[in-house]
Amino acid sequence: MEGWILMSNKRLYRASQGAMISGVCQGIADYFKMDATIIRLIWVVVTIFHLDLLVLFYI
């Protein structure tokens, strides 16, 4: 099937097993086959970075 992109059956979902609050980070980690702690740390860094930008735009 040259030229065709094969679609995988991967689904993004909220995981109930290993979830901290609602399982969103765990579901993303399962989807990308990563550790959920890495996804949570990325989430925290991105959130802090965006809060800093909001303060700069406010001033």
C-alpha atoms as a PDB file:
ATOM      1  CA  MET A   1       0.000   0.000   0.000  1.00  0.00           C
ATOM      2  CA  GLU A   2       2.503   2.529  -1.119  1.00  0.00           C
ATOM      3  CA  GLY A   3       1.399   6.115  -0.594  1.00  0.00           C
ATOM      4  CA  TRP A   4      -1.249   5.253   1.992  1.00  0.00           C
ATOM      5  CA  ILE A   5      -1.035   6.263   5.622  1.00  0.00           C
ATOM      6  CA  LEU A   6      -2.026   3.431   7.895  1.00  0.00           C
ATOM      7  CA  MET A   7      -4.140   4.575  10.826  1.00  0.00           C
ATOM      8  CA  SER A   8      -3.553   2.918  14.171  1.00  0.00           C
ATOM      9  CA  ASN A   9      -6.303   2.055  16.617  1.00  0.00           C
ATOM     10  CA  LYS A  10      -4.836   4.245  19.362  1.00  0.00           C
ATOM     11  CA  ARG A  11      -7.416   6.157  21.384  1.00  0.00           C
ATOM     12  CA  LEU A  12      -6.979   9.066  23.755  1.00  0.00           C
ATOM     13  CA  TYR A  13      -8.933   8.490  26.959  1.00  0.00           C
ATOM     14  CA  ARG A  14      -9.089   9.342  30.649  1.00  0.00           C
ATOM     15  CA  ALA A  15      -7.429   6.515  32.544  1.00  0.00           C
ATOM     16  CA  SER A  16      -8.936   5.396  35.821  1.00  0.00           C
ATOM     17  CA  GLN A  17      -6.026   3.193  36.873  1.00  0.00           C
ATOM     18  CA  GLY A  18      -3.018   5.208  38.071  1.00  0.00           C
ATOM     19  CA  ALA A  19      -4.937   8.483  37.950  1.00  0.00           C
ATOM     20  CA  MET A  20      -4.223  11.293  40.413  1.00  0.00           C
ATOM     21  CA  ILE A  21      -7.212  13.599  39.971  1.00  0.00           C
ATOM     22  CA  SER A  22      -9.189  12.842  36.839  1.00  0.00           C
ATOM     23  CA  GLY A  23      -6.828  10.656  34.818  1.00  0.00           C
ATOM     24  CA  VAL A  24      -6.180  13.052  31.933  1.00  0.00           C
ATOM     25  CA  CYS A  25      -2.376  13.083  32.350  1.00  0.00           C
ATOM     26  CA  GLN A  26      -2.374   9.307  32.802  1.00  0.00           C
ATOM     27  CA  GLY A  27      -4.408   8.888  29.606  1.00  0.00           C
ATOM     28  CA  ILE A  28      -2.004  11.133  27.677  1.00  0.00           C
ATOM     29  CA  ALA A  29       0.947   9.180  29.094  1.00  0.00           C
ATOM     30  CA  ASP A  30      -0.650   5.885  28.054  1.00  0.00           C
ATOM     31  CA  TYR A  31      -1.290   7.244  24.552  1.00  0.00           C
ATOM     32  CA  PHE A  32       2.328   8.311  24.044  1.00  0.00           C
ATOM     33  CA  LYS A  33       3.742   5.356  26.046  1.00  0.00           C
ATOM     34  CA  MET A  34       5.463   7.652  28.541  1.00  0.00           C
ATOM     35  CA  ASP A  35       5.618   7.906  32.305  1.00  0.00           C
ATOM     36  CA  ALA A  36       2.724   9.930  33.734  1.00  0.00           C
ATOM     37  CA  THR A  37       5.119  11.848  35.995  1.00  0.00           C
ATOM     38  CA  ILE A  38       6.829  13.361  32.954  1.00  0.00           C
ATOM     39  CA  ILE A  39       3.479  14.495  31.534  1.00  0.00           C
ATOM     40  CA  ARG A  40       2.518  15.996  34.904  1.00  0.00           C
ATOM     41  CA  LEU A  41       5.836  17.880  35.144  1.00  0.00           C
ATOM     42  CA  ILE A  42       5.409  19.218  31.610  1.00  0.00           C
ATOM     43  CA  TRP A  43       1.875  20.327  32.553  1.00  0.00           C
ATOM     44  CA  VAL A  44       3.178  22.198  35.616  1.00  0.00           C
ATOM     45  CA  VAL A  45       5.985  23.916  33.679  1.00  0.00           C
ATOM     46  CA  VAL A  46       3.641  24.990  30.876  1.00  0.00           C
ATOM     47  CA  THR A  47       1.098  26.270  33.395  1.00  0.00           C
ATOM     48  CA  ILE A  48       3.714  28.307  35.269  1.00  0.00           C
ATOM     49  CA  PHE A  49       5.088  29.692  32.002  1.00  0.00           C
ATOM     50  CA  HIS A  50       1.641  30.813  30.882  1.00  0.00           C
ATOM     51  CA  LEU A  51       0.866  32.424  34.237  1.00  0.00           C
ATOM     52  CA  ASP A  52       4.058  34.433  33.892  1.00  0.00           C
ATOM     53  CA  LEU A  53       2.937  35.643  30.461  1.00  0.00           C
ATOM     54  CA  LEU A  54      -0.461  36.646  31.825  1.00  0.00           C
ATOM     55  CA  VAL A  55       1.200  38.820  34.472  1.00  0.00           C
ATOM     56  CA  LEU A  56       3.376  40.480  31.815  1.00  0.00           C
ATOM     57  CA  PHE A  57       0.381  41.195  29.593  1.00  0.00           C
ATOM     58  CA  TYR A  58      -1.549  42.580  32.577  1.00  0.00           C
ATOM     59  CA  ILE A  59       1.189  45.124  33.307  1.00  0.00           C
END
